[in-house]
C-alpha cells in the first residue's frame, strides 16, 4: 500500500512540483494550501503517513502552529518543515536538539529550494524505509 503524504504550502507551484515528484515515487498525495485548510483536513480524522509543511503561510509562524496541531492530534506523525526563511532572512532553523524539537515539533527542516534527493532521504529516514 502506498504511503500518504500531506503537502501544506501556500505556493501552488511548489505543491505542483512536489506532487509530480512524489507521485512518480509511488506516494499518494493530499494537499492543503493553508494552515487552516490543513487543520480542517486533520480534524476530519485524515491521517497521512508524513506531512511536509511550509513555515510561512497565512502568518510568518503558521508552520510552527500547524506542527503543534499535528503533533497534538497525531504525536507519531513525522513532519518535515520546508522554508525559504533562511534565504530571505539569513536566520537558520534547525530541529537537531531535544530542546529545539520540544518547541518546534518538526522532525526535520529543509531549506527551499529543496533537492528531491535530500527530501527523499529524510522521508525514508522518518518513515523507516
N, C-alpha and C. Protein backbone atom coordinates (compact mmCIF):
# COMPACT_ATOMS: atom_id res chain seq x y z
N UNK A 1 0.83 -1.18 0.00
CA UNK A 1 0.00 0.00 0.00
C UNK A 1 0.88 1.25 0.00
N UNK A 2 0.51 2.22 -0.82
CA UNK A 2 1.28 3.45 -0.92
C UNK A 2 1.16 4.28 0.35
N UNK A 3 2.24 4.95 0.71
CA UNK A 3 2.24 5.88 1.83
C UNK A 3 1.57 7.18 1.40
N UNK A 4 0.79 7.76 2.32
CA UNK A 4 0.09 9.02 2.04
C UNK A 4 0.90 10.18 2.61
N UNK A 5 1.15 11.17 1.76
CA UNK A 5 1.91 12.36 2.14
C UNK A 5 0.99 13.57 2.04
N UNK A 6 0.95 14.36 3.11
CA UNK A 6 0.23 15.63 3.10
C UNK A 6 1.24 16.75 2.84
N UNK A 7 1.00 17.53 1.80
CA UNK A 7 1.84 18.68 1.49
C UNK A 7 1.03 19.93 1.82
N UNK A 8 1.60 20.80 2.67
CA UNK A 8 0.93 22.04 3.06
C UNK A 8 1.83 23.21 2.72
N UNK A 9 1.36 24.05 1.80
CA UNK A 9 2.14 25.22 1.37
C UNK A 9 1.20 26.17 0.65
N UNK A 10 1.42 27.46 0.78
CA UNK A 10 0.60 28.42 0.05
C UNK A 10 1.15 28.70 -1.34
N UNK A 11 2.25 28.08 -1.69
CA UNK A 11 2.87 28.22 -3.01
C UNK A 11 2.38 27.08 -3.90
N UNK A 12 1.43 27.39 -4.80
CA UNK A 12 0.83 26.35 -5.64
C UNK A 12 1.86 25.71 -6.58
N UNK A 13 2.84 26.49 -7.03
CA UNK A 13 3.87 25.92 -7.90
C UNK A 13 4.71 24.88 -7.15
N UNK A 14 5.07 25.20 -5.91
CA UNK A 14 5.86 24.27 -5.09
C UNK A 14 5.06 22.98 -4.88
N UNK A 15 3.79 23.11 -4.53
CA UNK A 15 2.97 21.91 -4.32
C UNK A 15 2.87 21.11 -5.60
N UNK A 16 2.65 21.78 -6.73
CA UNK A 16 2.54 21.07 -8.01
C UNK A 16 3.79 20.29 -8.36
N UNK A 17 4.95 20.92 -8.19
CA UNK A 17 6.21 20.24 -8.49
C UNK A 17 6.43 19.06 -7.56
N UNK A 18 6.17 19.27 -6.28
CA UNK A 18 6.38 18.19 -5.31
C UNK A 18 5.39 17.05 -5.53
N UNK A 19 4.17 17.40 -5.89
CA UNK A 19 3.16 16.37 -6.17
C UNK A 19 3.60 15.47 -7.32
N UNK A 20 4.13 16.04 -8.37
CA UNK A 20 4.61 15.24 -9.51
C UNK A 20 5.74 14.33 -9.08
N UNK A 21 6.74 14.89 -8.39
CA UNK A 21 7.90 14.09 -7.97
C UNK A 21 7.49 12.96 -7.02
N UNK A 22 6.64 13.27 -6.05
CA UNK A 22 6.26 12.25 -5.07
C UNK A 22 5.30 11.21 -5.67
N UNK A 23 4.43 11.63 -6.56
CA UNK A 23 3.55 10.67 -7.24
C UNK A 23 4.37 9.71 -8.08
N UNK A 24 5.38 10.24 -8.78
CA UNK A 24 6.27 9.38 -9.57
C UNK A 24 7.07 8.43 -8.70
N UNK A 25 7.26 8.79 -7.43
CA UNK A 25 7.99 7.93 -6.48
C UNK A 25 7.03 7.01 -5.74
N UNK A 26 5.79 6.90 -6.22
CA UNK A 26 4.80 5.95 -5.71
C UNK A 26 4.19 6.33 -4.37
N UNK A 27 4.01 7.63 -4.12
CA UNK A 27 3.30 8.08 -2.92
C UNK A 27 1.93 8.60 -3.31
N UNK A 28 0.96 8.45 -2.42
CA UNK A 28 -0.34 9.11 -2.57
C UNK A 28 -0.20 10.50 -1.95
N UNK A 29 -0.77 11.50 -2.61
CA UNK A 29 -0.59 12.88 -2.18
C UNK A 29 -1.94 13.51 -1.81
N UNK A 30 -1.96 14.17 -0.66
CA UNK A 30 -3.04 15.06 -0.28
C UNK A 30 -2.42 16.44 -0.14
N UNK A 31 -3.20 17.49 -0.46
CA UNK A 31 -2.67 18.84 -0.47
C UNK A 31 -3.55 19.77 0.35
N UNK A 32 -2.91 20.74 0.96
CA UNK A 32 -3.60 21.84 1.62
C UNK A 32 -2.81 23.10 1.31
N UNK A 33 -3.52 24.19 1.07
CA UNK A 33 -2.87 25.43 0.64
C UNK A 33 -2.78 26.48 1.75
N UNK A 34 -3.14 26.07 2.97
CA UNK A 34 -3.05 26.98 4.12
C UNK A 34 -3.04 26.16 5.40
N UNK A 35 -2.65 26.81 6.49
CA UNK A 35 -2.70 26.18 7.81
C UNK A 35 -4.13 25.79 8.14
N UNK A 36 -5.06 26.70 7.88
CA UNK A 36 -6.47 26.45 8.19
C UNK A 36 -7.00 25.25 7.41
N UNK A 37 -6.66 25.16 6.15
CA UNK A 37 -7.10 24.03 5.32
C UNK A 37 -6.50 22.71 5.82
N UNK A 38 -5.25 22.74 6.22
CA UNK A 38 -4.60 21.53 6.74
C UNK A 38 -5.23 21.11 8.06
N UNK A 39 -5.53 22.06 8.94
CA UNK A 39 -6.16 21.73 10.22
C UNK A 39 -7.54 21.11 9.99
N UNK A 40 -8.29 21.63 9.04
CA UNK A 40 -9.61 21.06 8.71
C UNK A 40 -9.44 19.62 8.21
N UNK A 41 -8.46 19.40 7.36
CA UNK A 41 -8.16 18.05 6.85
C UNK A 41 -7.87 17.09 8.01
N UNK A 42 -7.02 17.51 8.93
CA UNK A 42 -6.66 16.66 10.07
C UNK A 42 -7.83 16.48 11.03
N UNK A 43 -8.63 17.52 11.24
CA UNK A 43 -9.77 17.44 12.15
C UNK A 43 -10.86 16.52 11.63
N UNK A 44 -10.83 16.21 10.33
CA UNK A 44 -11.76 15.24 9.75
C UNK A 44 -11.21 13.82 9.85
N UNK A 45 -10.26 13.62 10.76
CA UNK A 45 -9.65 12.32 11.05
C UNK A 45 -8.89 11.72 9.88
N UNK A 46 -8.40 12.58 9.02
CA UNK A 46 -7.47 12.13 7.99
C UNK A 46 -6.08 12.07 8.63
N UNK A 47 -5.40 10.96 8.42
CA UNK A 47 -4.05 10.82 8.98
C UNK A 47 -3.10 10.36 7.89
N UNK A 48 -2.27 11.29 7.40
CA UNK A 48 -1.26 10.88 6.43
C UNK A 48 -0.15 10.12 7.14
N UNK A 49 0.74 9.53 6.35
CA UNK A 49 1.90 8.85 6.92
C UNK A 49 3.02 9.85 7.24
N UNK A 50 3.01 11.00 6.55
CA UNK A 50 4.03 12.02 6.75
C UNK A 50 3.46 13.34 6.24
N UNK A 51 3.85 14.45 6.88
CA UNK A 51 3.43 15.78 6.43
C UNK A 51 4.66 16.60 6.06
N UNK A 52 4.54 17.34 4.96
CA UNK A 52 5.55 18.31 4.54
C UNK A 52 4.89 19.67 4.66
N UNK A 53 5.42 20.51 5.55
CA UNK A 53 4.76 21.76 5.92
C UNK A 53 5.67 22.96 5.68
N UNK A 54 5.12 23.98 5.02
CA UNK A 54 5.84 25.24 4.85
C UNK A 54 5.79 26.01 6.16
N UNK A 55 6.82 26.78 6.44
CA UNK A 55 6.85 27.59 7.66
C UNK A 55 5.96 28.82 7.55
N UNK A 56 6.14 29.61 6.49
CA UNK A 56 5.43 30.88 6.37
C UNK A 56 4.27 30.75 5.38
N UNK A 57 3.05 30.81 5.91
CA UNK A 57 1.85 30.77 5.06
C UNK A 57 1.00 31.99 5.41
N UNK A 58 -0.17 31.79 6.03
CA UNK A 58 -1.01 32.93 6.39
C UNK A 58 -0.25 33.92 7.27
N UNK A 59 0.51 33.39 8.21
CA UNK A 59 1.33 34.20 9.10
C UNK A 59 2.76 33.68 9.04
N UNK A 60 3.69 34.46 9.56
CA UNK A 60 5.09 34.04 9.49
C UNK A 60 5.38 32.79 10.31
N UNK A 61 4.50 32.47 11.26
CA UNK A 61 4.72 31.29 12.08
C UNK A 61 3.64 30.21 11.89
N UNK A 62 2.91 30.27 10.80
CA UNK A 62 1.83 29.30 10.56
C UNK A 62 2.32 27.86 10.60
N UNK A 63 3.51 27.62 10.06
CA UNK A 63 4.05 26.26 10.04
C UNK A 63 4.31 25.72 11.44
N UNK A 64 4.83 26.59 12.32
CA UNK A 64 5.05 26.16 13.71
C UNK A 64 3.73 25.79 14.38
N UNK A 65 2.72 26.64 14.18
CA UNK A 65 1.41 26.38 14.79
C UNK A 65 0.79 25.11 14.22
N UNK A 66 0.94 24.89 12.92
CA UNK A 66 0.40 23.68 12.31
C UNK A 66 1.13 22.44 12.82
N UNK A 67 2.45 22.50 12.95
CA UNK A 67 3.20 21.37 13.50
C UNK A 67 2.70 21.02 14.90
N UNK A 68 2.46 22.04 15.71
CA UNK A 68 1.93 21.82 17.05
C UNK A 68 0.58 21.10 16.97
N UNK A 69 -0.29 21.55 16.07
CA UNK A 69 -1.61 20.94 15.89
C UNK A 69 -1.47 19.47 15.45
N UNK A 70 -0.58 19.23 14.51
CA UNK A 70 -0.36 17.87 14.01
C UNK A 70 0.10 16.95 15.14
N UNK A 71 1.11 17.38 15.88
CA UNK A 71 1.68 16.54 16.93
C UNK A 71 0.70 16.35 18.10
N UNK A 72 -0.16 17.33 18.33
CA UNK A 72 -1.16 17.19 19.39
C UNK A 72 -2.18 16.12 19.00
N UNK A 73 -2.55 16.09 17.73
CA UNK A 73 -3.55 15.12 17.26
C UNK A 73 -2.92 13.75 16.98
N UNK A 74 -1.76 13.74 16.33
CA UNK A 74 -1.08 12.51 15.94
C UNK A 74 0.39 12.63 16.34
N UNK A 75 0.70 12.31 17.57
CA UNK A 75 2.04 12.51 18.11
C UNK A 75 3.14 11.82 17.30
N UNK A 76 2.82 10.69 16.70
CA UNK A 76 3.85 9.92 15.98
C UNK A 76 3.91 10.21 14.49
N UNK A 77 3.16 11.19 14.01
CA UNK A 77 3.17 11.53 12.59
C UNK A 77 4.42 12.37 12.28
N UNK A 78 5.30 11.88 11.40
CA UNK A 78 6.51 12.64 11.07
C UNK A 78 6.19 13.90 10.27
N UNK A 79 6.88 14.99 10.62
CA UNK A 79 6.68 16.27 9.94
C UNK A 79 8.03 16.79 9.45
N UNK A 80 8.06 17.14 8.17
CA UNK A 80 9.22 17.81 7.59
C UNK A 80 8.79 19.25 7.31
N UNK A 81 9.50 20.20 7.90
CA UNK A 81 9.21 21.61 7.64
C UNK A 81 10.15 22.10 6.56
N UNK A 82 9.56 22.75 5.55
CA UNK A 82 10.34 23.35 4.47
C UNK A 82 10.14 24.85 4.53
N UNK A 83 11.21 25.58 4.25
CA UNK A 83 11.10 27.03 4.36
C UNK A 83 12.15 27.75 3.53
N UNK A 84 11.76 28.91 3.05
CA UNK A 84 12.69 29.79 2.36
C UNK A 84 13.18 30.89 3.29
N UNK A 85 12.87 30.78 4.58
CA UNK A 85 13.20 31.85 5.52
C UNK A 85 14.70 32.09 5.61
N UNK A 86 15.52 31.06 5.48
CA UNK A 86 16.97 31.24 5.54
C UNK A 86 17.44 32.11 4.38
N UNK A 87 16.91 31.85 3.18
CA UNK A 87 17.27 32.66 2.01
C UNK A 87 16.78 34.09 2.17
N UNK A 88 15.63 34.28 2.79
CA UNK A 88 15.04 35.61 2.90
C UNK A 88 15.60 36.42 4.06
N UNK A 89 15.96 35.75 5.17
CA UNK A 89 16.36 36.49 6.36
C UNK A 89 17.77 36.19 6.83
N UNK A 90 18.33 35.07 6.39
CA UNK A 90 19.64 34.65 6.86
C UNK A 90 19.57 33.88 8.17
N UNK A 91 18.38 33.81 8.77
CA UNK A 91 18.21 33.06 10.02
C UNK A 91 17.99 31.60 9.69
N UNK A 92 18.75 30.72 10.31
CA UNK A 92 18.65 29.29 10.01
C UNK A 92 17.96 28.56 11.14
N UNK A 93 16.94 27.78 10.77
CA UNK A 93 16.22 26.97 11.73
C UNK A 93 16.80 25.57 11.71
N UNK A 94 16.70 24.89 12.85
CA UNK A 94 17.15 23.52 12.95
C UNK A 94 16.37 22.85 14.07
N UNK A 95 16.13 21.59 13.93
CA UNK A 95 15.45 20.82 14.97
C UNK A 95 16.34 19.67 15.39
N UNK A 96 17.58 19.96 15.63
CA UNK A 96 18.56 18.91 15.91
C UNK A 96 18.61 18.50 17.37
N UNK A 97 18.35 19.42 18.28
CA UNK A 97 18.47 19.09 19.70
C UNK A 97 17.10 18.77 20.29
N UNK A 98 17.07 18.05 21.39
CA UNK A 98 15.79 17.77 22.05
C UNK A 98 15.04 19.05 22.46
N UNK A 99 15.79 20.09 22.85
CA UNK A 99 15.16 21.36 23.22
C UNK A 99 14.46 22.00 22.03
N UNK A 100 15.12 21.96 20.85
CA UNK A 100 14.51 22.51 19.65
C UNK A 100 13.25 21.73 19.28
N UNK A 101 13.35 20.41 19.32
CA UNK A 101 12.20 19.57 18.97
C UNK A 101 11.03 19.76 19.93
N UNK A 102 11.34 20.11 21.17
CA UNK A 102 10.28 20.29 22.16
C UNK A 102 9.36 21.44 21.81
N UNK A 103 9.88 22.50 21.22
CA UNK A 103 9.00 23.63 20.90
C UNK A 103 8.71 23.75 19.42
N UNK A 104 9.58 23.24 18.55
CA UNK A 104 9.36 23.36 17.11
C UNK A 104 8.38 22.31 16.61
N UNK A 105 8.47 21.12 17.11
CA UNK A 105 7.59 19.99 16.77
C UNK A 105 7.82 19.39 15.40
N UNK A 106 8.71 19.94 14.59
CA UNK A 106 9.05 19.32 13.30
C UNK A 106 10.16 18.30 13.52
N UNK A 107 10.13 17.24 12.74
CA UNK A 107 11.14 16.20 12.85
C UNK A 107 12.36 16.47 11.99
N UNK A 108 12.19 17.34 10.98
CA UNK A 108 13.29 17.69 10.09
C UNK A 108 13.00 19.04 9.46
N UNK A 109 14.07 19.76 9.11
CA UNK A 109 13.97 21.04 8.42
C UNK A 109 14.73 20.95 7.11
N UNK A 110 14.13 21.46 6.04
CA UNK A 110 14.81 21.57 4.76
C UNK A 110 14.62 22.97 4.23
N UNK A 111 15.69 23.56 3.73
CA UNK A 111 15.63 24.90 3.16
C UNK A 111 15.19 24.83 1.70
N UNK A 112 14.30 25.75 1.32
CA UNK A 112 13.92 25.88 -0.08
C UNK A 112 15.00 26.68 -0.80
N UNK A 113 15.30 26.40 -2.01
CA UNK A 113 14.73 25.31 -2.81
C UNK A 113 15.29 23.97 -2.34
N UNK A 114 14.41 22.99 -2.22
CA UNK A 114 14.85 21.69 -1.73
C UNK A 114 15.29 20.82 -2.90
N UNK A 115 16.25 19.98 -2.63
CA UNK A 115 16.66 18.97 -3.60
C UNK A 115 15.83 17.73 -3.32
N UNK A 116 15.27 17.14 -4.37
CA UNK A 116 14.39 15.99 -4.18
C UNK A 116 15.12 14.83 -3.52
N UNK A 117 16.39 14.64 -3.85
CA UNK A 117 17.15 13.55 -3.24
C UNK A 117 17.25 13.74 -1.73
N UNK A 118 17.44 14.97 -1.30
CA UNK A 118 17.53 15.27 0.13
C UNK A 118 16.17 15.04 0.80
N UNK A 119 15.10 15.48 0.16
CA UNK A 119 13.76 15.25 0.71
C UNK A 119 13.47 13.76 0.81
N UNK A 120 13.78 13.03 -0.22
CA UNK A 120 13.54 11.58 -0.24
C UNK A 120 14.33 10.89 0.87
N UNK A 121 15.56 11.31 1.09
CA UNK A 121 16.39 10.72 2.15
C UNK A 121 15.75 10.97 3.51
N UNK A 122 15.27 12.20 3.77
CA UNK A 122 14.61 12.50 5.04
C UNK A 122 13.30 11.72 5.19
N UNK A 123 12.55 11.61 4.10
CA UNK A 123 11.31 10.86 4.15
C UNK A 123 11.58 9.39 4.48
N UNK A 124 12.56 8.81 3.83
CA UNK A 124 12.90 7.41 4.10
C UNK A 124 13.32 7.21 5.56
N UNK A 125 14.11 8.16 6.07
CA UNK A 125 14.54 8.08 7.48
C UNK A 125 13.34 8.14 8.41
N UNK A 126 12.45 9.08 8.17
CA UNK A 126 11.30 9.28 9.08
C UNK A 126 10.23 8.19 8.94
N UNK A 127 10.12 7.63 7.75
CA UNK A 127 9.13 6.57 7.52
C UNK A 127 9.70 5.18 7.81
N UNK A 128 10.99 5.13 8.10
CA UNK A 128 11.61 3.84 8.42
C UNK A 128 11.83 2.96 7.21
N UNK A 129 12.00 3.59 6.04
CA UNK A 129 12.25 2.82 4.79
C UNK A 129 13.72 2.53 4.62
